[in-house]
N, C-alpha and C. Protein backbone atom coordinates (compact mmCIF):
# COMPACT_ATOMS: atom_id res chain seq x y z
N MET A 1 -8.49 -9.89 17.07
CA MET A 1 -9.58 -10.36 18.30
C MET A 1 -10.41 -11.34 17.66
N ALA A 2 -10.27 -12.11 18.77
CA ALA A 2 -10.94 -14.00 18.63
C ALA A 2 -12.50 -13.61 17.79
N THR A 3 -12.86 -14.49 16.88
CA THR A 3 -14.46 -14.35 16.01
C THR A 3 -15.27 -15.05 17.40
N GLU A 4 -16.40 -14.74 16.65
CA GLU A 4 -17.40 -15.48 17.87
C GLU A 4 -17.25 -16.89 17.98
N GLU A 5 -16.63 -18.07 16.65
CA GLU A 5 -16.95 -19.12 17.14
C GLU A 5 -15.31 -19.31 18.53
N GLU A 6 -14.47 -18.42 18.03
CA GLU A 6 -13.20 -18.66 19.20
C GLU A 6 -13.46 -18.28 20.21
N PHE A 7 -14.24 -17.62 20.82
CA PHE A 7 -14.45 -16.61 21.65
C PHE A 7 -15.04 -17.38 22.98
N GLN A 8 -14.88 -17.76 24.30
CA GLN A 8 -14.91 -18.25 25.22
C GLN A 8 -15.23 -17.14 26.61
N VAL A 9 -16.80 -17.95 26.95
CA VAL A 9 -17.05 -17.11 27.78
C VAL A 9 -16.30 -17.29 29.51
N GLU A 10 -16.50 -16.02 29.59
CA GLU A 10 -15.27 -15.95 31.07
C GLU A 10 -15.86 -15.24 32.37
N SER A 11 -16.03 -16.09 33.54
CA SER A 11 -16.58 -15.34 34.50
C SER A 11 -16.53 -14.18 35.22
N LEU A 12 -17.22 -13.43 35.11
CA LEU A 12 -16.90 -11.85 35.67
C LEU A 12 -17.61 -11.98 37.23
N HIS A 13 -16.52 -11.30 38.03
CA HIS A 13 -16.98 -10.99 39.31
C HIS A 13 -16.89 -9.60 39.85
N PHE A 14 -17.56 -9.24 40.32
CA PHE A 14 -17.30 -7.97 41.20
C PHE A 14 -17.17 -7.64 42.50
N LYS A 15 -16.02 -6.79 42.75
CA LYS A 15 -15.04 -7.17 44.13
C LYS A 15 -15.75 -6.04 45.30
N ARG A 16 -16.15 -5.01 44.56
CA ARG A 16 -17.21 -3.93 45.96
C ARG A 16 -17.74 -3.23 45.12
N LEU A 17 -19.06 -3.06 45.67
CA LEU A 17 -20.27 -2.58 45.34
C LEU A 17 -20.57 -1.23 46.31
N LEU A 18 -21.12 -0.41 45.48
CA LEU A 18 -21.49 0.85 45.82
C LEU A 18 -23.48 1.40 45.00
N LEU A 19 -24.09 1.21 46.61
CA LEU A 19 -25.10 1.51 46.34
C LEU A 19 -25.72 2.74 46.81
N ALA A 20 -26.36 3.76 45.63
CA ALA A 20 -26.60 5.16 46.31
C ALA A 20 -27.86 5.10 46.27
N VAL A 21 -28.42 5.19 47.64
CA VAL A 21 -29.79 5.94 47.65
C VAL A 21 -30.57 6.73 48.35
N ASP A 22 -31.49 6.86 48.00
CA ASP A 22 -32.14 8.59 48.29
C ASP A 22 -33.23 8.53 49.38
N ASP A 23 -32.96 9.53 50.08
CA ASP A 23 -33.70 9.79 51.09
C ASP A 23 -35.03 10.30 50.99
N ASP A 24 -34.97 10.52 50.06
CA ASP A 24 -36.36 11.29 49.78
C ASP A 24 -37.13 9.97 48.87
N ASP A 25 -36.60 8.95 48.38
CA ASP A 25 -37.20 8.14 47.25
C ASP A 25 -36.79 6.84 47.87
N ASP A 26 -37.84 6.30 48.89
CA ASP A 26 -37.93 4.80 49.51
C ASP A 26 -37.93 3.81 48.64
N GLU A 27 -38.79 4.07 47.42
CA GLU A 27 -39.11 3.01 46.69
C GLU A 27 -38.50 2.49 45.93
N SER A 28 -37.46 3.39 44.75
CA SER A 28 -36.55 3.14 43.69
C SER A 28 -35.50 3.06 44.95
N SER A 29 -35.15 3.36 45.82
CA SER A 29 -33.84 2.84 46.52
C SER A 29 -34.19 1.87 47.52
N ARG A 30 -35.21 1.19 48.03
CA ARG A 30 -35.54 -0.23 47.98
C ARG A 30 -35.72 -1.53 47.37
N ARG A 31 -35.58 -1.14 45.84
CA ARG A 31 -35.52 -1.71 44.80
C ARG A 31 -33.59 -2.09 44.56
N ALA A 32 -33.16 -1.32 44.41
CA ALA A 32 -32.15 -1.27 44.30
C ALA A 32 -31.36 -1.91 45.47
N PHE A 33 -31.31 -1.24 46.35
CA PHE A 33 -30.91 -1.73 47.56
C PHE A 33 -31.34 -3.38 48.34
N ASN A 34 -31.93 -4.22 47.89
CA ASN A 34 -32.66 -5.91 47.70
C ASN A 34 -31.93 -6.08 46.43
N TYR A 35 -31.56 -5.40 45.66
CA TYR A 35 -30.30 -6.09 44.54
C TYR A 35 -28.82 -6.17 45.01
N ALA A 36 -29.05 -5.13 45.42
CA ALA A 36 -27.25 -4.81 46.04
C ALA A 36 -27.11 -5.96 46.97
N CYS A 37 -27.83 -5.95 47.99
CA CYS A 37 -27.93 -6.91 48.91
C CYS A 37 -27.74 -8.38 48.74
N THR A 38 -28.39 -8.97 47.66
CA THR A 38 -28.15 -10.22 47.30
C THR A 38 -27.06 -10.36 46.48
N LEU A 39 -26.60 -9.01 45.42
CA LEU A 39 -25.27 -9.40 44.70
C LEU A 39 -24.03 -9.40 46.15
N ALA A 40 -24.15 -8.54 46.84
CA ALA A 40 -23.44 -8.75 48.10
C ALA A 40 -23.10 -10.03 48.66
N LYS A 41 -24.26 -10.58 49.75
CA LYS A 41 -23.98 -11.10 50.07
C LYS A 41 -23.73 -12.53 49.17
N VAL A 42 -24.20 -13.01 47.98
CA VAL A 42 -24.06 -14.14 46.87
C VAL A 42 -22.53 -14.20 46.81
N TYR A 43 -21.97 -12.93 46.28
CA TYR A 43 -20.08 -12.81 46.07
C TYR A 43 -19.58 -12.77 47.26
N GLY A 44 -20.14 -12.37 48.98
CA GLY A 44 -19.66 -12.05 49.61
C GLY A 44 -18.62 -11.41 49.89
N ILE A 45 -18.89 -9.96 49.09
CA ILE A 45 -18.28 -8.84 48.57
C ILE A 45 -18.43 -7.62 49.85
N PRO A 46 -18.09 -6.45 49.88
CA PRO A 46 -18.05 -5.13 50.58
C PRO A 46 -19.17 -4.26 49.89
N LEU A 47 -20.07 -4.13 50.38
CA LEU A 47 -21.20 -2.94 50.17
C LEU A 47 -21.43 -1.70 50.92
N GLY A 48 -20.97 -0.83 49.86
CA GLY A 48 -21.03 1.01 50.12
C GLY A 48 -22.39 1.15 50.04
N ILE A 49 -22.78 1.57 51.08
CA ILE A 49 -24.11 2.59 50.77
C ILE A 49 -24.22 3.98 51.13
N VAL A 50 -24.21 4.83 50.22
CA VAL A 50 -24.01 6.05 49.88
C VAL A 50 -25.64 6.66 49.94
N SER A 51 -25.79 7.81 50.61
CA SER A 51 -26.51 9.01 50.55
C SER A 51 -26.23 10.38 50.70
N VAL A 52 -26.91 11.06 50.20
CA VAL A 52 -26.01 12.71 49.38
C VAL A 52 -27.30 13.35 50.34
N LEU A 53 -26.60 14.07 51.41
CA LEU A 53 -27.72 15.62 51.35
C LEU A 53 -27.20 16.63 50.48
N GLU A 54 -28.66 16.94 50.14
CA GLU A 54 -28.76 17.55 49.64
C GLU A 54 -28.53 19.38 49.77
N THR A 55 -27.70 19.52 49.40
CA THR A 55 -27.88 21.19 50.12
C THR A 55 -28.37 21.80 49.13
N GLY A 56 -28.48 21.66 47.85
CA GLY A 56 -29.12 22.58 47.15
C GLY A 56 -30.34 22.89 47.41
N ASP A 57 -31.36 21.93 47.82
CA ASP A 57 -32.38 21.50 48.17
C ASP A 57 -33.32 22.44 48.92
N MET A 58 -32.18 23.09 49.51
CA MET A 58 -32.10 23.53 51.13
C MET A 58 -32.16 25.40 50.77
N ASN A 59 -33.38 26.46 51.33
CA ASN A 59 -33.07 27.59 51.46
C ASN A 59 -31.94 28.39 51.74
N ILE A 60 -32.02 28.90 51.29
CA ILE A 60 -30.64 29.90 52.10
C ILE A 60 -30.32 30.09 53.58
N PHE A 61 -31.46 29.81 54.20
CA PHE A 61 -31.42 30.16 55.90
C PHE A 61 -31.67 28.66 56.06
N GLN A 62 -31.59 27.74 55.81
CA GLN A 62 -31.99 26.22 56.08
C GLN A 62 -30.37 26.06 56.18
N SER A 63 -29.61 26.32 54.53
CA SER A 63 -28.03 25.92 54.64
C SER A 63 -26.96 26.48 55.42
N LEU A 64 -27.65 28.03 55.98
CA LEU A 64 -27.04 28.42 56.61
C LEU A 64 -26.92 28.00 58.63
N SER A 65 -27.90 27.26 58.23
CA SER A 65 -28.31 26.92 60.14
C SER A 65 -27.82 25.80 60.03
N PRO A 66 -26.60 25.43 60.99
CA PRO A 66 -26.15 24.74 62.11
C PRO A 66 -26.93 23.78 62.58
N ASP A 67 -28.40 24.14 63.08
CA ASP A 67 -29.16 22.98 63.62
C ASP A 67 -29.67 21.88 62.61
N VAL A 68 -29.86 23.05 61.07
CA VAL A 68 -30.98 22.19 60.25
C VAL A 68 -30.05 21.21 59.30
N LEU A 69 -29.08 21.43 59.14
CA LEU A 69 -27.61 20.63 59.17
C LEU A 69 -27.59 19.73 59.64
N ALA A 70 -27.02 19.86 60.75
CA ALA A 70 -26.60 18.53 62.16
C ALA A 70 -28.19 17.45 62.03
N GLN A 71 -29.26 18.15 61.46
CA GLN A 71 -30.78 17.32 61.71
C GLN A 71 -30.49 16.63 60.69
N ARG A 72 -30.39 17.36 59.58
CA ARG A 72 -30.66 16.26 58.05
C ARG A 72 -29.54 15.39 58.57
N ARG A 73 -28.31 15.77 58.55
CA ARG A 73 -26.82 14.87 58.65
C ARG A 73 -27.55 13.58 59.40
N ALA A 74 -28.40 13.99 61.08
CA ALA A 74 -28.64 12.82 61.40
C ALA A 74 -29.37 12.26 60.77
N GLU A 75 -30.59 12.47 60.01
CA GLU A 75 -31.71 11.78 60.01
C GLU A 75 -31.47 10.28 58.63
N ILE A 76 -30.39 11.08 57.94
CA ILE A 76 -29.59 10.05 56.62
C ILE A 76 -28.77 9.49 57.41
N THR A 77 -27.77 9.57 58.44
CA THR A 77 -27.47 8.47 59.02
C THR A 77 -27.95 7.79 59.28
N HIS A 78 -29.11 8.37 60.25
CA HIS A 78 -30.04 6.93 60.58
C HIS A 78 -30.69 5.96 59.30
N HIS A 79 -31.14 7.10 58.55
CA HIS A 79 -31.44 5.96 57.37
C HIS A 79 -30.49 4.71 56.94
N LEU A 80 -29.04 5.69 57.01
CA LEU A 80 -28.27 4.46 56.36
C LEU A 80 -27.99 3.50 57.41
N ASP A 81 -28.24 4.10 58.53
CA ASP A 81 -27.91 2.54 59.62
C ASP A 81 -28.91 2.15 59.43
N THR A 82 -29.85 2.42 59.59
CA THR A 82 -30.74 1.17 59.49
C THR A 82 -31.25 0.12 57.78
N TYR A 83 -30.52 1.02 56.32
CA TYR A 83 -29.86 0.04 55.67
C TYR A 83 -28.56 -0.97 56.00
N VAL A 84 -28.09 -0.34 56.69
CA VAL A 84 -26.60 -1.31 56.80
C VAL A 84 -27.11 -2.43 57.98
N ASP A 85 -27.87 -2.13 58.46
CA ASP A 85 -28.26 -3.38 59.40
C ASP A 85 -29.04 -4.29 58.78
N LYS A 86 -30.15 -3.70 57.93
CA LYS A 86 -31.14 -4.61 57.15
C LYS A 86 -30.24 -5.47 56.04
N ALA A 87 -29.14 -4.76 55.79
CA ALA A 87 -28.08 -5.74 55.11
C ALA A 87 -27.41 -6.74 55.88
N THR A 88 -27.41 -6.88 57.17
CA THR A 88 -26.25 -7.38 57.74
C THR A 88 -27.03 -8.19 57.76
N GLN A 89 -28.51 -8.16 58.28
CA GLN A 89 -29.02 -9.48 58.88
C GLN A 89 -29.47 -10.45 57.56
N PHE A 90 -29.38 -9.72 56.40
CA PHE A 90 -29.57 -10.36 55.16
C PHE A 90 -28.70 -11.23 54.64
N GLY A 91 -27.62 -11.23 55.80
CA GLY A 91 -26.70 -11.96 54.79
C GLY A 91 -25.11 -11.43 54.54
N VAL A 92 -25.32 -9.79 54.76
CA VAL A 92 -24.43 -8.82 53.81
C VAL A 92 -23.22 -8.97 54.95
N GLU A 93 -21.51 -9.90 54.56
CA GLU A 93 -20.95 -9.44 55.38
C GLU A 93 -20.20 -8.22 55.82
N ASP A 94 -19.96 -7.12 55.21
CA ASP A 94 -19.69 -6.15 55.07
C ASP A 94 -20.45 -4.94 54.73
N ALA A 95 -21.22 -4.25 54.73
CA ALA A 95 -21.77 -2.85 54.75
C ALA A 95 -21.33 -1.62 55.37
N GLN A 96 -21.09 -0.88 54.92
CA GLN A 96 -20.71 0.30 55.03
C GLN A 96 -21.57 1.86 54.89
N PRO A 97 -21.95 2.24 55.43
CA PRO A 97 -22.37 3.59 54.95
C PRO A 97 -21.66 5.00 55.01
N ILE A 98 -22.14 5.70 53.82
CA ILE A 98 -21.57 6.79 53.53
C ILE A 98 -22.33 7.59 53.77
N VAL A 99 -21.94 8.98 54.00
CA VAL A 99 -22.87 10.68 53.92
C VAL A 99 -22.09 11.40 53.49
N ALA A 100 -22.59 11.96 52.22
CA ALA A 100 -22.18 12.85 51.44
C ALA A 100 -22.93 14.22 51.42
N GLU A 101 -22.35 15.11 50.76
CA GLU A 101 -23.19 16.56 50.80
C GLU A 101 -22.58 16.46 49.70
N GLY A 102 -23.94 17.74 48.84
CA GLY A 102 -23.86 18.62 47.92
C GLY A 102 -24.36 17.98 46.37
N LYS A 103 -24.26 17.88 44.85
CA LYS A 103 -25.31 17.81 44.23
C LYS A 103 -24.82 16.21 43.85
N PRO A 104 -25.59 15.63 44.53
CA PRO A 104 -25.86 13.72 44.12
C PRO A 104 -24.64 13.31 42.83
N GLY A 105 -25.15 13.21 41.80
CA GLY A 105 -24.18 13.01 40.88
C GLY A 105 -23.18 12.98 40.60
N ARG A 106 -22.95 13.85 41.03
CA ARG A 106 -21.80 14.85 41.15
C ARG A 106 -20.60 14.38 42.08
N VAL A 107 -21.16 14.23 43.42
CA VAL A 107 -20.88 13.76 44.87
C VAL A 107 -20.27 12.27 44.63
N ILE A 108 -21.35 11.62 43.74
CA ILE A 108 -21.23 9.97 43.80
C ILE A 108 -20.13 9.91 42.76
N VAL A 109 -19.76 10.55 41.67
CA VAL A 109 -19.16 10.06 40.73
C VAL A 109 -17.24 10.95 41.12
N GLU A 110 -17.58 11.85 42.10
CA GLU A 110 -16.32 12.87 41.83
C GLU A 110 -15.65 12.35 43.20
N GLU A 111 -16.56 11.87 44.19
CA GLU A 111 -16.04 12.04 45.29
C GLU A 111 -16.22 10.69 46.23
N VAL A 112 -17.21 10.46 46.58
CA VAL A 112 -17.17 9.03 46.51
C VAL A 112 -17.28 7.43 46.19
N ALA A 113 -17.22 7.34 44.92
CA ALA A 113 -16.42 6.36 43.95
C ALA A 113 -15.36 6.09 43.89
N PRO A 114 -14.40 7.10 43.85
CA PRO A 114 -13.20 7.58 43.90
C PRO A 114 -12.24 6.66 45.58
N ALA A 115 -13.11 7.18 46.38
CA ALA A 115 -12.62 6.65 47.29
C ALA A 115 -13.07 5.53 48.08
N PHE A 116 -14.31 5.19 47.75
CA PHE A 116 -14.50 3.54 47.96
C PHE A 116 -14.30 2.39 47.10
N LYS A 117 -13.39 3.08 45.97
CA LYS A 117 -13.30 1.87 44.98
C LYS A 117 -14.03 0.98 44.25
N PRO A 118 -15.48 1.04 44.07
CA PRO A 118 -16.04 0.34 43.60
C PRO A 118 -15.92 -0.28 42.22
N ASP A 119 -16.43 -1.53 42.05
CA ASP A 119 -16.06 -1.98 40.54
C ASP A 119 -17.74 -1.97 39.56
N LEU A 120 -18.51 -2.18 40.83
CA LEU A 120 -20.28 -1.36 40.20
C LEU A 120 -21.06 -0.25 40.85
N ILE A 121 -21.49 0.21 40.46
CA ILE A 121 -22.68 1.28 41.17
C ILE A 121 -23.82 0.65 40.96
N ILE A 122 -24.77 0.87 42.05
CA ILE A 122 -26.16 0.35 42.00
C ILE A 122 -26.69 1.41 42.29
N VAL A 123 -27.98 2.01 41.67
CA VAL A 123 -28.56 3.34 41.61
C VAL A 123 -30.16 2.57 41.12
N GLY A 124 -31.10 3.52 41.98
CA GLY A 124 -32.22 2.93 41.56
C GLY A 124 -33.21 3.64 40.60
N THR A 125 -34.05 4.00 39.91
CA THR A 125 -34.46 5.01 39.41
C THR A 125 -36.05 4.95 39.57
N HIS A 126 -36.50 6.29 39.46
CA HIS A 126 -38.05 6.43 39.13
C HIS A 126 -38.84 5.50 38.44
N GLU A 127 -40.51 4.74 38.25
CA GLU A 127 -40.53 4.35 37.27
C GLU A 127 -41.40 5.45 36.83
N ARG A 128 -41.13 5.66 35.58
CA ARG A 128 -41.87 6.64 34.87
C ARG A 128 -42.40 5.93 33.21
N SER A 129 -43.65 7.27 33.16
CA SER A 129 -44.09 6.37 31.71
C SER A 129 -43.39 6.49 30.39
N ASN A 130 -42.26 8.05 30.58
CA ASN A 130 -41.78 8.21 29.44
C ASN A 130 -40.39 7.71 29.57
N HIS A 131 -40.37 6.48 30.39
CA HIS A 131 -39.03 5.92 30.11
C HIS A 131 -37.80 6.33 30.51
N ARG A 132 -37.29 7.59 31.25
CA ARG A 132 -36.09 8.22 30.80
C ARG A 132 -36.00 7.88 32.45
N LEU A 133 -34.15 8.06 32.60
CA LEU A 133 -33.57 7.78 33.92
C LEU A 133 -34.07 9.22 34.80
N GLY A 134 -34.10 8.82 36.11
CA GLY A 134 -33.75 10.57 36.96
C GLY A 134 -33.22 11.18 36.80
N SER A 135 -32.26 12.44 37.46
CA SER A 135 -31.27 13.06 37.05
C SER A 135 -30.58 12.56 37.68
N VAL A 136 -29.97 11.54 38.32
CA VAL A 136 -28.96 11.34 39.41
C VAL A 136 -28.50 9.88 38.66
N SER A 137 -29.26 9.21 38.29
CA SER A 137 -28.97 7.77 37.89
C SER A 137 -28.41 7.71 36.06
N ALA A 138 -29.19 9.26 35.79
CA ALA A 138 -28.57 9.49 34.09
C ALA A 138 -26.99 10.03 34.13
N PHE A 139 -27.26 10.93 35.38
CA PHE A 139 -25.43 11.54 35.92
C PHE A 139 -24.34 10.36 36.09
N VAL A 140 -24.52 9.39 36.70
CA VAL A 140 -23.99 8.24 37.54
C VAL A 140 -23.97 7.79 36.11
N THR A 141 -24.71 7.00 35.00
CA THR A 141 -24.66 6.10 34.65
C THR A 141 -23.78 6.39 33.45
N ARG A 142 -23.79 7.91 33.10
CA ARG A 142 -23.16 8.42 31.62
C ARG A 142 -21.55 9.06 32.32
N ASN A 143 -21.39 9.41 33.58
CA ASN A 143 -20.04 9.62 33.93
C ASN A 143 -19.09 8.63 34.99
N ALA A 144 -19.97 7.57 35.31
CA ALA A 144 -19.32 6.71 36.25
C ALA A 144 -17.72 5.95 35.25
N LYS A 145 -16.90 5.81 36.23
CA LYS A 145 -15.79 4.92 35.20
C LYS A 145 -16.18 3.19 35.53
N SER A 146 -16.80 3.04 36.64
CA SER A 146 -16.80 1.86 36.96
C SER A 146 -18.36 1.41 36.00
N SER A 147 -18.47 0.18 36.18
CA SER A 147 -19.87 -0.24 35.98
C SER A 147 -21.47 0.25 36.70
N VAL A 148 -22.37 0.12 35.65
CA VAL A 148 -23.46 0.95 36.67
C VAL A 148 -24.57 0.49 36.31
N ILE A 149 -25.08 -0.18 36.99
CA ILE A 149 -26.63 -1.20 36.60
C ILE A 149 -28.06 -0.17 37.45
N VAL A 150 -29.07 -0.02 37.03
CA VAL A 150 -29.93 0.67 37.48
C VAL A 150 -31.15 -0.32 37.33
N VAL A 151 -32.04 0.07 38.35
CA VAL A 151 -32.68 -0.94 38.84
C VAL A 151 -34.26 0.01 38.91
N ARG A 152 -34.93 -0.55 38.38
CA ARG A 152 -36.46 0.39 38.14
C ARG A 152 -37.08 -0.46 38.94
């Protein structure tokens, strides 16, 4: 192993970014979105934007109703399309919407990331006075195989 004197700085470039946005938390999602778009534009790399339909937040009647599920999917798809449009207008060359369903942290780490293959995942988190991460950002940070940046 090289000592501090022998160590040489090497450039680190990411090739694929995955941004997780929360349909219920526009403020932290927007800050993370701004950062992700900046990196994707500067590096000229693909940006996947994922939002997870949290079926666990629905009561049993909502989760069994095809109309309610279709409406929530349509809302999430619309929000993601807006993010993709804004990213494209900003100068991101390749922005892709990804809709998933289930428990957000687990779905992002176990399903979305392996399929999209990012080398960096970007998540937002609420600004809290106790300086703790939200449950999704904490789960992704602890369990993702790729690097994770949390934007406050």
